[in-house]
Amino acid sequence: MPQHLSKSWITELGNDYQKVHDKYLHSIGNLTLTGYNSQYSNRSFKEKQTMEKGFKESHFRNLNALPATSDK
């Protein structure tokens, strides 16, 4: 989620774009651990996913796929 919404971000977020932006802008889920923030810039989410060194290539994507541990 960029600090300032471009037309493409407004389109992607839909009619309630301002409400969605306000809700997620400063949330933990909007923080991205990357060394490529300047290349990501204000691109659309789909562009950030598929570009070279984009989100789909991130090693962090596997964090949510780790199985839960049990202390049984």
PDB file of N, CA and C in Angstrom:
ATOM      1  N   MET A   1       0.851  -1.171   0.000  1.00  0.00           N
ATOM      2  CA  MET A   1       0.000   0.000   0.000  1.00  0.00           C
ATOM      3  C   MET A   1       0.897   1.234   0.000  1.00  0.00           C
ATOM      4  N   PRO A   2       0.823   2.049  -1.031  1.00  0.00           N
ATOM      5  CA  PRO A   2       1.657   3.247  -1.076  1.00  0.00           C
ATOM      6  C   PRO A   2       1.127   4.350  -0.152  1.00  0.00           C
ATOM      7  N   GLN A   3       1.999   5.276   0.188  1.00  0.00           N
ATOM      8  CA  GLN A   3       1.592   6.424   1.004  1.00  0.00           C
ATOM      9  C   GLN A   3       0.537   7.265   0.282  1.00  0.00           C
ATOM     10  N   HIS A   4       0.738   7.451  -1.021  1.00  0.00           N
ATOM     11  CA  HIS A   4      -0.173   8.270  -1.836  1.00  0.00           C
ATOM     12  C   HIS A   4      -0.724   7.405  -2.956  1.00  0.00           C
ATOM     13  N   LEU A   5      -2.033   7.375  -3.078  1.00  0.00           N
ATOM     14  CA  LEU A   5      -2.674   6.520  -4.063  1.00  0.00           C
ATOM     15  C   LEU A   5      -2.614   7.104  -5.463  1.00  0.00           C
ATOM     16  N   SER A   6      -2.168   6.292  -6.400  1.00  0.00           N
ATOM     17  CA  SER A   6      -2.208   6.671  -7.814  1.00  0.00           C
ATOM     18  C   SER A   6      -3.562   6.237  -8.373  1.00  0.00           C
ATOM     19  N   LYS A   7      -3.843   6.610  -9.614  1.00  0.00           N
ATOM     20  CA  LYS A   7      -5.101   6.213 -10.242  1.00  0.00           C
ATOM     21  C   LYS A   7      -5.214   4.700 -10.323  1.00  0.00           C
ATOM     22  N   SER A   8      -4.104   4.010 -10.612  1.00  0.00           N
ATOM     23  CA  SER A   8      -4.169   2.550 -10.714  1.00  0.00           C
ATOM     24  C   SER A   8      -4.463   1.908  -9.357  1.00  0.00           C
ATOM     25  N   TRP A   9      -3.909   2.463  -8.283  1.00  0.00           N
ATOM     26  CA  TRP A   9      -4.211   1.934  -6.952  1.00  0.00           C
ATOM     27  C   TRP A   9      -5.668   2.189  -6.585  1.00  0.00           C
ATOM     28  N   ILE A  10      -6.192   3.338  -6.899  1.00  0.00           N
ATOM     29  CA  ILE A  10      -7.598   3.656  -6.623  1.00  0.00           C
ATOM     30  C   ILE A  10      -8.494   2.663  -7.349  1.00  0.00           C
ATOM     31  N   THR A  11      -8.166   2.377  -8.598  1.00  0.00           N
ATOM     32  CA  THR A  11      -8.936   1.416  -9.379  1.00  0.00           C
ATOM     33  C   THR A  11      -8.869   0.029  -8.752  1.00  0.00           C
ATOM     34  N   GLU A  12      -7.656  -0.403  -8.355  1.00  0.00           N
ATOM     35  CA  GLU A  12      -7.497  -1.725  -7.756  1.00  0.00           C
ATOM     36  C   GLU A  12      -8.239  -1.855  -6.423  1.00  0.00           C
ATOM     37  N   LEU A  13      -8.267  -0.805  -5.629  1.00  0.00           N
ATOM     38  CA  LEU A  13      -8.905  -0.867  -4.319  1.00  0.00           C
ATOM     39  C   LEU A  13     -10.418  -0.749  -4.394  1.00  0.00           C
ATOM     40  N   GLY A  14     -10.946  -0.204  -5.464  1.00  0.00           N
ATOM     41  CA  GLY A  14     -12.394  -0.136  -5.654  1.00  0.00           C
ATOM     42  C   GLY A  14     -13.033   1.106  -5.073  1.00  0.00           C
ATOM     43  N   ASN A  15     -14.363   1.067  -5.011  1.00  0.00           N
ATOM     44  CA  ASN A  15     -15.140   2.241  -4.604  1.00  0.00           C
ATOM     45  C   ASN A  15     -14.801   2.757  -3.209  1.00  0.00           C
ATOM     46  N   ASP A  16     -14.462   1.863  -2.299  1.00  0.00           N
ATOM     47  CA  ASP A  16     -14.131   2.272  -0.929  1.00  0.00           C
ATOM     48  C   ASP A  16     -12.628   2.446  -0.759  1.00  0.00           C
ATOM     49  N   TYR A  17     -11.951   2.910  -1.802  1.00  0.00           N
ATOM     50  CA  TYR A  17     -10.489   2.987  -1.791  1.00  0.00           C
ATOM     51  C   TYR A  17      -9.937   3.771  -0.610  1.00  0.00           C
ATOM     52  N   GLN A  18     -10.585   4.863  -0.240  1.00  0.00           N
ATOM     53  CA  GLN A  18     -10.053   5.682   0.857  1.00  0.00           C
ATOM     54  C   GLN A  18     -10.153   4.949   2.189  1.00  0.00           C
ATOM     55  N   LYS A  19     -11.255   4.254   2.399  1.00  0.00           N
ATOM     56  CA  LYS A  19     -11.451   3.483   3.623  1.00  0.00           C
ATOM     57  C   LYS A  19     -10.426   2.355   3.705  1.00  0.00           C
ATOM     58  N   VAL A  20     -10.208   1.648   2.603  1.00  0.00           N
ATOM     59  CA  VAL A  20      -9.226   0.556   2.565  1.00  0.00           C
ATOM     60  C   VAL A  20      -7.820   1.100   2.795  1.00  0.00           C
ATOM     61  N   HIS A  21      -7.495   2.201   2.142  1.00  0.00           N
ATOM     62  CA  HIS A  21      -6.184   2.827   2.293  1.00  0.00           C
ATOM     63  C   HIS A  21      -5.934   3.236   3.736  1.00  0.00           C
ATOM     64  N   ASP A  22      -6.911   3.883   4.337  1.00  0.00           N
ATOM     65  CA  ASP A  22      -6.777   4.319   5.729  1.00  0.00           C
ATOM     66  C   ASP A  22      -6.594   3.135   6.676  1.00  0.00           C
ATOM     67  N   LYS A  23      -7.293   2.041   6.396  1.00  0.00           N
ATOM     68  CA  LYS A  23      -7.232   0.871   7.270  1.00  0.00           C
ATOM     69  C   LYS A  23      -5.874   0.173   7.210  1.00  0.00           C
ATOM     70  N   TYR A  24      -5.284   0.050   6.017  1.00  0.00           N
ATOM     71  CA  TYR A  24      -4.098  -0.782   5.845  1.00  0.00           C
ATOM     72  C   TYR A  24      -2.778  -0.030   5.713  1.00  0.00           C
ATOM     73  N   LEU A  25      -2.814   1.265   5.534  1.00  0.00           N
ATOM     74  CA  LEU A  25      -1.581   2.022   5.279  1.00  0.00           C
ATOM     75  C   LEU A  25      -0.531   1.802   6.363  1.00  0.00           C
ATOM     76  N   HIS A  26      -0.900   1.918   7.603  1.00  0.00           N
ATOM     77  CA  HIS A  26       0.073   1.811   8.695  1.00  0.00           C
ATOM     78  C   HIS A  26      -0.077   0.508   9.489  1.00  0.00           C
ATOM     79  N   SER A  27      -0.568  -0.529   8.837  1.00  0.00           N
ATOM     80  CA  SER A  27      -0.718  -1.826   9.503  1.00  0.00           C
ATOM     81  C   SER A  27       0.540  -2.668   9.317  1.00  0.00           C
ATOM     82  N   ILE A  28       0.727  -3.648  10.172  1.00  0.00           N
ATOM     83  CA  ILE A  28       1.895  -4.519  10.097  1.00  0.00           C
ATOM     84  C   ILE A  28       1.919  -5.267   8.764  1.00  0.00           C
ATOM     85  N   GLY A  29       0.755  -5.585   8.234  1.00  0.00           N
ATOM     86  CA  GLY A  29       0.678  -6.297   6.965  1.00  0.00           C
ATOM     87  C   GLY A  29       1.154  -5.469   5.785  1.00  0.00           C
ATOM     88  N   ASN A  30       1.251  -4.177   5.947  1.00  0.00           N
ATOM     89  CA  ASN A  30       1.703  -3.325   4.857  1.00  0.00           C
ATOM     90  C   ASN A  30       3.216  -3.122   4.885  1.00  0.00           C
ATOM     91  N   LEU A  31       3.874  -3.615   5.901  1.00  0.00           N
ATOM     92  CA  LEU A  31       5.323  -3.489   5.969  1.00  0.00           C
ATOM     93  C   LEU A  31       5.952  -4.585   5.129  1.00  0.00           C
ATOM     94  N   THR A  32       6.885  -4.235   4.294  1.00  0.00           N
ATOM     95  CA  THR A  32       7.544  -5.203   3.429  1.00  0.00           C
ATOM     96  C   THR A  32       9.033  -5.179   3.704  1.00  0.00           C
ATOM     97  N   LEU A  33       9.588  -6.336   4.014  1.00  0.00           N
ATOM     98  CA  LEU A  33      11.025  -6.458   4.212  1.00  0.00           C
ATOM     99  C   LEU A  33      11.668  -6.650   2.853  1.00  0.00           C
ATOM    100  N   THR A  34      12.303  -5.622   2.360  1.00  0.00           N
ATOM    101  CA  THR A  34      12.894  -5.694   1.031  1.00  0.00           C
ATOM    102  C   THR A  34      14.010  -4.684   0.883  1.00  0.00           C
ATOM    103  N   GLY A  35      14.921  -4.991   0.018  1.00  0.00           N
ATOM    104  CA  GLY A  35      15.963  -4.052  -0.345  1.00  0.00           C
ATOM    105  C   GLY A  35      15.637  -3.360  -1.660  1.00  0.00           C
ATOM    106  N   TYR A  36      14.409  -3.573  -2.143  1.00  0.00           N
ATOM    107  CA  TYR A  36      14.022  -3.071  -3.466  1.00  0.00           C
ATOM    108  C   TYR A  36      12.916  -2.035  -3.404  1.00  0.00           C
ATOM    109  N   ASN A  37      12.726  -1.412  -2.270  1.00  0.00           N
ATOM    110  CA  ASN A  37      11.620  -0.472  -2.120  1.00  0.00           C
ATOM    111  C   ASN A  37      11.665   0.653  -3.142  1.00  0.00           C
ATOM    112  N   SER A  38      12.845   1.142  -3.476  1.00  0.00           N
ATOM    113  CA  SER A  38      12.916   2.236  -4.449  1.00  0.00           C
ATOM    114  C   SER A  38      12.480   1.766  -5.838  1.00  0.00           C
ATOM    115  N   GLN A  39      12.731   0.487  -6.171  1.00  0.00           N
ATOM    116  CA  GLN A  39      12.265  -0.038  -7.456  1.00  0.00           C
ATOM    117  C   GLN A  39      10.755  -0.294  -7.430  1.00  0.00           C
ATOM    118  N   TYR A  40      10.227  -0.698  -6.269  1.00  0.00           N
ATOM    119  CA  TYR A  40       8.787  -0.947  -6.163  1.00  0.00           C
ATOM    120  C   TYR A  40       8.011   0.359  -6.300  1.00  0.00           C
ATOM    121  N   SER A  41       8.519   1.386  -5.664  1.00  0.00           N
ATOM    122  CA  SER A  41       7.954   2.726  -5.736  1.00  0.00           C
ATOM    123  C   SER A  41       6.445   2.700  -5.525  1.00  0.00           C
ATOM    124  N   ASN A  42       5.709   3.336  -6.393  1.00  0.00           N
ATOM    125  CA  ASN A  42       4.260   3.463  -6.277  1.00  0.00           C
ATOM    126  C   ASN A  42       3.562   2.578  -7.306  1.00  0.00           C
ATOM    127  N   ARG A  43       4.254   1.502  -7.734  1.00  0.00           N
ATOM    128  CA  ARG A  43       3.670   0.599  -8.726  1.00  0.00           C
ATOM    129  C   ARG A  43       2.443  -0.102  -8.162  1.00  0.00           C
ATOM    130  N   SER A  44       1.641  -0.643  -9.053  1.00  0.00           N
ATOM    131  CA  SER A  44       0.468  -1.394  -8.613  1.00  0.00           C
ATOM    132  C   SER A  44       0.924  -2.669  -7.915  1.00  0.00           C
ATOM    133  N   PHE A  45       0.032  -3.264  -7.134  1.00  0.00           N
ATOM    134  CA  PHE A  45       0.377  -4.485  -6.416  1.00  0.00           C
ATOM    135  C   PHE A  45       0.740  -5.606  -7.393  1.00  0.00           C
ATOM    136  N   LYS A  46      -0.001  -5.746  -8.477  1.00  0.00           N
ATOM    137  CA  LYS A  46       0.290  -6.788  -9.463  1.00  0.00           C
ATOM    138  C   LYS A  46       1.674  -6.607 -10.064  1.00  0.00           C
ATOM    139  N   GLU A  47       2.058  -5.369 -10.347  1.00  0.00           N
ATOM    140  CA  GLU A  47       3.402  -5.108 -10.865  1.00  0.00           C
ATOM    141  C   GLU A  47       4.457  -5.496  -9.836  1.00  0.00           C
ATOM    142  N   LYS A  48       4.227  -5.155  -8.573  1.00  0.00           N
ATOM    143  CA  LYS A  48       5.178  -5.476  -7.508  1.00  0.00           C
ATOM    144  C   LYS A  48       5.310  -6.986  -7.330  1.00  0.00           C
ATOM    145  N   GLN A  49       4.250  -7.728  -7.587  1.00  0.00           N
ATOM    146  CA  GLN A  49       4.307  -9.180  -7.473  1.00  0.00           C
ATOM    147  C   GLN A  49       5.161  -9.796  -8.570  1.00  0.00           C
ATOM    148  N   THR A  50       4.984  -9.334  -9.786  1.00  0.00           N
ATOM    149  CA  THR A  50       5.549 -10.035 -10.936  1.00  0.00           C
ATOM    150  C   THR A  50       6.847  -9.454 -11.481  1.00  0.00           C
ATOM    151  N   MET A  51       7.252  -8.297 -11.025  1.00  0.00           N
ATOM    152  CA  MET A  51       8.487  -7.708 -11.536  1.00  0.00           C
ATOM    153  C   MET A  51       9.706  -8.490 -11.046  1.00  0.00           C
ATOM    154  N   GLU A  52      10.833  -8.313 -11.706  1.00  0.00           N
ATOM    155  CA  GLU A  52      12.065  -8.955 -11.257  1.00  0.00           C
ATOM    156  C   GLU A  52      12.341  -8.544  -9.818  1.00  0.00           C
ATOM    157  N   LYS A  53      12.652  -9.520  -8.964  1.00  0.00           N
ATOM    158  CA  LYS A  53      12.858  -9.330  -7.526  1.00  0.00           C
ATOM    159  C   LYS A  53      11.574  -8.903  -6.831  1.00  0.00           C
ATOM    160  N   GLY A  54      10.424  -9.222  -7.430  1.00  0.00           N
ATOM    161  CA  GLY A  54       9.126  -8.857  -6.883  1.00  0.00           C
ATOM    162  C   GLY A  54       8.696  -9.768  -5.758  1.00  0.00           C
ATOM    163  N   PHE A  55       7.494  -9.546  -5.263  1.00  0.00           N
ATOM    164  CA  PHE A  55       6.976 -10.281  -4.117  1.00  0.00           C
ATOM    165  C   PHE A  55       6.944 -11.789  -4.360  1.00  0.00           C
ATOM    166  N   LYS A  56       6.638 -12.222  -5.590  1.00  0.00           N
ATOM    167  CA  LYS A  56       6.551 -13.659  -5.860  1.00  0.00           C
ATOM    168  C   LYS A  56       7.912 -14.341  -5.770  1.00  0.00           C
ATOM    169  N   GLU A  57       8.999 -13.585  -5.866  1.00  0.00           N
ATOM    170  CA  GLU A  57      10.342 -14.144  -5.746  1.00  0.00           C
ATOM    171  C   GLU A  57      10.891 -14.033  -4.331  1.00  0.00           C
ATOM    172  N   SER A  58      10.139 -13.420  -3.441  1.00  0.00           N
ATOM    173  CA  SER A  58      10.604 -13.178  -2.086  1.00  0.00           C
ATOM    174  C   SER A  58      10.727 -14.475  -1.294  1.00  0.00           C
ATOM    175  N   HIS A  59      11.789 -14.610  -0.543  1.00  0.00           N
ATOM    176  CA  HIS A  59      11.955 -15.757   0.333  1.00  0.00           C
ATOM    177  C   HIS A  59      11.034 -15.674   1.546  1.00  0.00           C
ATOM    178  N   PHE A  60      10.504 -14.501   1.815  1.00  0.00           N
ATOM    179  CA  PHE A  60       9.603 -14.326   2.950  1.00  0.00           C
ATOM    180  C   PHE A  60       8.216 -14.892   2.674  1.00  0.00           C
ATOM    181  N   ARG A  61       7.901 -15.178   1.420  1.00  0.00           N
ATOM    182  CA  ARG A  61       6.571 -15.685   1.087  1.00  0.00           C
ATOM    183  C   ARG A  61       6.298 -17.019   1.766  1.00  0.00           C
ATOM    184  N   ASN A  62       7.346 -17.751   2.095  1.00  0.00           N
ATOM    185  CA  ASN A  62       7.192 -19.058   2.707  1.00  0.00           C
ATOM    186  C   ASN A  62       6.899 -18.993   4.205  1.00  0.00           C
ATOM    187  N   LEU A  63       7.017 -17.852   4.820  1.00  0.00           N
ATOM    188  CA  LEU A  63       6.789 -17.759   6.259  1.00  0.00           C
ATOM    189  C   LEU A  63       5.382 -18.192   6.644  1.00  0.00           C
ATOM    190  N   ASN A  64       4.407 -17.830   5.845  1.00  0.00           N
ATOM    191  CA  ASN A  64       3.020 -18.199   6.165  1.00  0.00           C
ATOM    192  C   ASN A  64       2.732 -19.660   5.858  1.00  0.00           C
ATOM    193  N   ALA A  65       3.601 -20.296   5.108  1.00  0.00           N
ATOM    194  CA  ALA A  65       3.389 -21.692   4.733  1.00  0.00           C
ATOM    195  C   ALA A  65       4.011 -22.666   5.739  1.00  0.00           C
ATOM    196  N   LEU A  66       4.765 -22.176   6.702  1.00  0.00           N
ATOM    197  CA  LEU A  66       5.407 -23.052   7.678  1.00  0.00           C
ATOM    198  C   LEU A  66       4.345 -23.730   8.533  1.00  0.00           C
ATOM    199  N   PRO A  67       4.511 -25.022   8.793  1.00  0.00           N
ATOM    200  CA  PRO A  67       3.522 -25.709   9.630  1.00  0.00           C
ATOM    201  C   PRO A  67       3.598 -25.214  11.074  1.00  0.00           C
ATOM    202  N   ALA A  68       2.462 -25.213  11.722  1.00  0.00           N
ATOM    203  CA  ALA A  68       2.415 -24.810  13.131  1.00  0.00           C
ATOM    204  C   ALA A  68       3.078 -25.892  13.976  1.00  0.00           C
ATOM    205  N   THR A  69       3.805 -25.474  14.976  1.00  0.00           N
ATOM    206  CA  THR A  69       4.433 -26.447  15.870  1.00  0.00           C
ATOM    207  C   THR A  69       3.504 -26.739  17.029  1.00  0.00           C
ATOM    208  N   SER A  70       3.634 -27.904  17.565  1.00  0.00           N
ATOM    209  CA  SER A  70       2.783 -28.308  18.668  1.00  0.00           C
ATOM    210  C   SER A  70       3.636 -28.779  19.832  1.00  0.00           C
ATOM    211  N   ASP A  71       3.268 -28.429  21.033  1.00  0.00           N
ATOM    212  CA  ASP A  71       3.987 -28.848  22.243  1.00  0.00           C
ATOM    213  C   ASP A  71       3.242 -29.966  22.955  1.00  0.00           C
ATOM    214  N   LYS A  72       2.607 -30.859  22.212  1.00  0.00           N
ATOM    215  CA  LYS A  72       1.821 -31.948  22.813  1.00  0.00           C
ATOM    216  C   LYS A  72       2.693 -32.955  23.493  1.00  0.00           C
TER     217      LYS A  72
END
